[in-house]
Every structure is written in structure tokens, then in C-alpha cells.
Amino acid sequence: MPIRFDRFTIKAQEAFQDAQTIALDRNQQQLEVEHLLLALINQKEGLTLQLLQKLGANTSGIISQLEDEISKLPRVEGAGAGQVYMSTRLNNVAEAAFSEMKNLRDEYLSTEHLLLAIADERNGI
């Protein structure tokens, strides 16, 4: 199923754009769940960091671990650099977020739906 970014809130769209920037800044071609979660945590006026802090999570440790995992991802130089595509894992997370959106009877996919889907993701974070 193609991702319908027109059904995303502005903050959710920004999170994907920021995740793409994180990947591109590191010469990574594949956009992963870790890129998106780091983008969500770093979002100004975002809910994710506040929620993690209220849960008592070690946010600096989470950020450090995400940075470490992202640094292990393959890098691309030369031809193909600057092009980013979504990994199967991230696509599955996006589909799960849409399911959360529908279950909650929301019209738009928000960062909360993305965070719920990431929390349910089994192959990584």
C-alpha cells in the first residue's frame, strides 16, 4: 500500500522529513524506524520526548542508542547518494500507524499513531 502523506498531520509529515534529513546527513539510502524515532524525539514542541520523560525513560540513553544503531546502517557514496527510500520495516510501521489511526477513528495520522506503531514494532528498537 502506498503511503498517503496527505493523510498525515503536519507534525507527522515533518517527522518523516526530519528522518530523511537524518539519513541523508549520514549518507544512508534506506530510511529506517530508528531514523523516524530519533526525528520524533528531536521534534520541537513534539509529544514524543515529553511522553518518554513522563514515563521516566532515560531519554539521553535512548538518543545515544538510536545514534549508535543509525551509525551501523550502510552508507552510500557516489551514484545513488542523496536518494532515500523507506525500508520494509518502516513501511510496516507506517501501515500499522494507519491501522492505529483507523482504530481510534481519527481522520489524520499523527505522531502519536507513529509512536504507538513503533512501540509495537518487533524487529529492532
C-alpha atoms as a PDB file:
ATOM      1  CA  MET A   1       0.000   0.000   0.000  1.00  0.00           C
ATOM      2  CA  PRO A   2       1.495   3.383  -0.927  1.00  0.00           C
ATOM      3  CA  ILE A   3       1.925   5.826   1.940  1.00  0.00           C
ATOM      4  CA  ARG A   4      -0.596   8.671   1.785  1.00  0.00           C
ATOM      5  CA  PHE A   5       1.286  11.624   3.217  1.00  0.00           C
ATOM      6  CA  ASP A   6      -1.754  13.817   2.538  1.00  0.00           C
ATOM      7  CA  ARG A   7      -3.413  11.939   5.429  1.00  0.00           C
ATOM      8  CA  PHE A   8      -0.590  12.884   7.844  1.00  0.00           C
ATOM      9  CA  THR A   9      -0.719  15.768  10.300  1.00  0.00           C
ATOM     10  CA  ILE A  10       1.869  18.496   9.770  1.00  0.00           C
ATOM     11  CA  LYS A  11       3.946  17.163  12.696  1.00  0.00           C
ATOM     12  CA  ALA A  12       3.895  13.618  11.271  1.00  0.00           C
ATOM     13  CA  GLN A  13       4.957  14.936   7.855  1.00  0.00           C
ATOM     14  CA  GLU A  14       7.738  16.930   9.499  1.00  0.00           C
ATOM     15  CA  ALA A  15       8.905  13.810  11.365  1.00  0.00           C
ATOM     16  CA  PHE A  16       9.306  11.917   8.084  1.00  0.00           C
ATOM     17  CA  GLN A  17      11.109  14.881   6.514  1.00  0.00           C
ATOM     18  CA  ASP A  18      13.421  15.132   9.528  1.00  0.00           C
ATOM     19  CA  ALA A  19      14.054  11.363   9.422  1.00  0.00           C
ATOM     20  CA  GLN A  20      15.002  11.691   5.767  1.00  0.00           C
ATOM     21  CA  THR A  21      17.388  14.537   6.621  1.00  0.00           C
ATOM     22  CA  ILE A  22      18.994  12.403   9.345  1.00  0.00           C
ATOM     23  CA  ALA A  23      19.555   9.602   6.814  1.00  0.00           C
ATOM     24  CA  LEU A  24      20.859  11.930   4.101  1.00  0.00           C
ATOM     25  CA  ASP A  25      23.235  13.691   6.512  1.00  0.00           C
ATOM     26  CA  ARG A  26      24.800  10.283   7.185  1.00  0.00           C
ATOM     27  CA  ASN A  27      24.871   9.229   3.504  1.00  0.00           C
ATOM     28  CA  GLN A  28      22.321   6.499   4.195  1.00  0.00           C
ATOM     29  CA  GLN A  29      19.964   5.453   1.460  1.00  0.00           C
ATOM     30  CA  GLN A  30      17.486   3.415   3.459  1.00  0.00           C
ATOM     31  CA  LEU A  31      15.088   5.220   5.794  1.00  0.00           C
ATOM     32  CA  GLU A  32      14.674   3.112   8.925  1.00  0.00           C
ATOM     33  CA  VAL A  33      12.483   3.088  12.018  1.00  0.00           C
ATOM     34  CA  GLU A  34      15.448   4.373  14.037  1.00  0.00           C
ATOM     35  CA  HIS A  35      15.662   7.499  11.852  1.00  0.00           C
ATOM     36  CA  LEU A  36      11.958   8.174  12.409  1.00  0.00           C
ATOM     37  CA  LEU A  37      12.077   7.631  16.173  1.00  0.00           C
ATOM     38  CA  LEU A  38      15.084   9.927  16.514  1.00  0.00           C
ATOM     39  CA  ALA A  39      13.258  12.549  14.441  1.00  0.00           C
ATOM     40  CA  LEU A  40      10.171  12.202  16.665  1.00  0.00           C
ATOM     41  CA  ILE A  41      12.236  12.583  19.845  1.00  0.00           C
ATOM     42  CA  ASN A  42      14.078  15.622  18.470  1.00  0.00           C
ATOM     43  CA  GLN A  43      10.910  17.344  17.249  1.00  0.00           C
ATOM     44  CA  LYS A  44      10.462  20.830  18.689  1.00  0.00           C
ATOM     45  CA  GLU A  45       7.200  21.050  20.637  1.00  0.00           C
ATOM     46  CA  GLY A  46       6.700  17.356  19.931  1.00  0.00           C
ATOM     47  CA  LEU A  47       4.879  14.877  22.110  1.00  0.00           C
ATOM     48  CA  THR A  48       7.382  12.010  21.969  1.00  0.00           C
ATOM     49  CA  LEU A  49      10.134  13.480  24.147  1.00  0.00           C
ATOM     50  CA  GLN A  50       7.597  14.755  26.689  1.00  0.00           C
ATOM     51  CA  LEU A  51       5.908  11.352  26.832  1.00  0.00           C
ATOM     52  CA  LEU A  52       9.181   9.477  27.300  1.00  0.00           C
ATOM     53  CA  GLN A  53      10.214  11.892  30.060  1.00  0.00           C
ATOM     54  CA  LYS A  54       6.871  11.469  31.850  1.00  0.00           C
ATOM     55  CA  LEU A  55       7.367   7.705  31.687  1.00  0.00           C
ATOM     56  CA  GLY A  56      10.723   8.156  33.401  1.00  0.00           C
ATOM     57  CA  ALA A  57      12.693   6.894  30.407  1.00  0.00           C
ATOM     58  CA  ASN A  58      16.387   7.664  30.103  1.00  0.00           C
ATOM     59  CA  THR A  59      15.924   9.876  27.042  1.00  0.00           C
ATOM     60  CA  SER A  60      19.606  10.704  26.635  1.00  0.00           C
ATOM     61  CA  GLY A  61      20.348   6.966  26.724  1.00  0.00           C
ATOM     62  CA  ILE A  62      17.641   6.293  24.136  1.00  0.00           C
ATOM     63  CA  ILE A  63      19.001   9.029  21.864  1.00  0.00           C
ATOM     64  CA  SER A  64      22.540   7.682  22.278  1.00  0.00           C
ATOM     65  CA  GLN A  65      21.405   4.138  21.462  1.00  0.00           C
ATOM     66  CA  LEU A  66      19.476   5.352  18.404  1.00  0.00           C
ATOM     67  CA  GLU A  67      22.531   7.295  17.199  1.00  0.00           C
ATOM     68  CA  ASP A  68      24.647   4.165  17.684  1.00  0.00           C
ATOM     69  CA  GLU A  69      22.194   1.967  15.750  1.00  0.00           C
ATOM     70  CA  ILE A  70      21.922   4.533  12.954  1.00  0.00           C
ATOM     71  CA  SER A  71      25.726   4.717  12.686  1.00  0.00           C
ATOM     72  CA  LYS A  72      25.771   0.950  11.964  1.00  0.00           C
ATOM     73  CA  LEU A  73      23.462   1.287   8.958  1.00  0.00           C
ATOM     74  CA  PRO A  74      25.012   1.088   5.472  1.00  0.00           C
ATOM     75  CA  ARG A  75      26.287   4.269   3.842  1.00  0.00           C
ATOM     76  CA  VAL A  76      26.214   5.103   0.139  1.00  0.00           C
ATOM     77  CA  GLU A  77      28.677   7.309  -1.702  1.00  0.00           C
ATOM     78  CA  GLY A  78      28.797   8.277  -5.357  1.00  0.00           C
ATOM     79  CA  ALA A  79      25.931   7.200  -7.623  1.00  0.00           C
ATOM     80  CA  GLY A  80      22.734   6.776  -5.633  1.00  0.00           C
ATOM     81  CA  ALA A  81      23.802   9.054  -2.805  1.00  0.00           C
ATOM     82  CA  GLY A  82      21.117  11.574  -1.979  1.00  0.00           C
ATOM     83  CA  GLN A  83      18.266   9.199  -2.761  1.00  0.00           C
ATOM     84  CA  VAL A  84      16.343   7.740   0.152  1.00  0.00           C
ATOM     85  CA  TYR A  85      13.739   5.001   0.220  1.00  0.00           C
ATOM     86  CA  MET A  86      11.713   3.516   3.058  1.00  0.00           C
ATOM     87  CA  SER A  87      12.786   0.159   4.456  1.00  0.00           C
ATOM     88  CA  THR A  88      10.298  -2.680   4.699  1.00  0.00           C
ATOM     89  CA  ARG A  89      10.317  -2.252   8.492  1.00  0.00           C
ATOM     90  CA  LEU A  90       9.460   1.440   8.251  1.00  0.00           C
ATOM     91  CA  ASN A  91       6.768   0.755   5.677  1.00  0.00           C
ATOM     92  CA  ASN A  92       5.266  -1.829   8.051  1.00  0.00           C
ATOM     93  CA  VAL A  93       5.369   0.730  10.881  1.00  0.00           C
ATOM     94  CA  ALA A  94       3.594   3.280   8.673  1.00  0.00           C
ATOM     95  CA  GLU A  95       0.908   0.719   7.804  1.00  0.00           C
ATOM     96  CA  ALA A  96       0.497  -0.142  11.495  1.00  0.00           C
ATOM     97  CA  ALA A  97       0.197   3.576  12.283  1.00  0.00           C
ATOM     98  CA  PHE A  98      -2.612   3.852   9.722  1.00  0.00           C
ATOM     99  CA  SER A  99      -4.323   0.907  11.438  1.00  0.00           C
ATOM    100  CA  GLU A 100      -3.999   2.711  14.787  1.00  0.00           C
ATOM    101  CA  MET A 101      -5.471   5.826  13.171  1.00  0.00           C
ATOM    102  CA  LYS A 102      -8.464   3.846  11.895  1.00  0.00           C
ATOM    103  CA  ASN A 103      -8.946   2.015  15.215  1.00  0.00           C
ATOM    104  CA  LEU A 104      -9.025   5.345  17.034  1.00  0.00           C
ATOM    105  CA  ARG A 105     -11.356   6.758  14.365  1.00  0.00           C
ATOM    106  CA  ASP A 106      -9.041   9.656  13.624  1.00  0.00           C
ATOM    107  CA  GLU A 107      -9.032  11.406  10.257  1.00  0.00           C
ATOM    108  CA  TYR A 108      -5.294  12.046  10.095  1.00  0.00           C
ATOM    109  CA  LEU A 109      -2.217  10.066  11.021  1.00  0.00           C
ATOM    110  CA  SER A 110      -0.387  11.814  13.856  1.00  0.00           C
ATOM    111  CA  THR A 111       2.908  11.405  15.669  1.00  0.00           C
ATOM    112  CA  GLU A 112       1.019   9.527  18.387  1.00  0.00           C
ATOM    113  CA  HIS A 113      -0.047   6.872  15.878  1.00  0.00           C
ATOM    114  CA  LEU A 114       3.540   6.598  14.658  1.00  0.00           C
ATOM    115  CA  LEU A 115       4.833   6.226  18.220  1.00  0.00           C
ATOM    116  CA  LEU A 116       2.267   3.505  19.002  1.00  0.00           C
ATOM    117  CA  ALA A 117       3.262   1.630  15.847  1.00  0.00           C
ATOM    118  CA  ILE A 118       6.977   1.965  16.656  1.00  0.00           C
ATOM    119  CA  ALA A 119       6.328   0.659  20.186  1.00  0.00           C
ATOM    120  CA  ASP A 120       4.659  -2.427  18.669  1.00  0.00           C
ATOM    121  CA  GLU A 121       7.451  -2.973  16.120  1.00  0.00           C
ATOM    122  CA  ARG A 122       9.195  -6.249  16.858  1.00  0.00           C
ATOM    123  CA  ASN A 123      12.333  -6.241  14.688  1.00  0.00           C
ATOM    124  CA  GLY A 124      14.575  -3.605  16.107  1.00  0.00           C
ATOM    125  CA  ILE A 125      14.285  -0.866  18.637  1.00  0.00           C
END
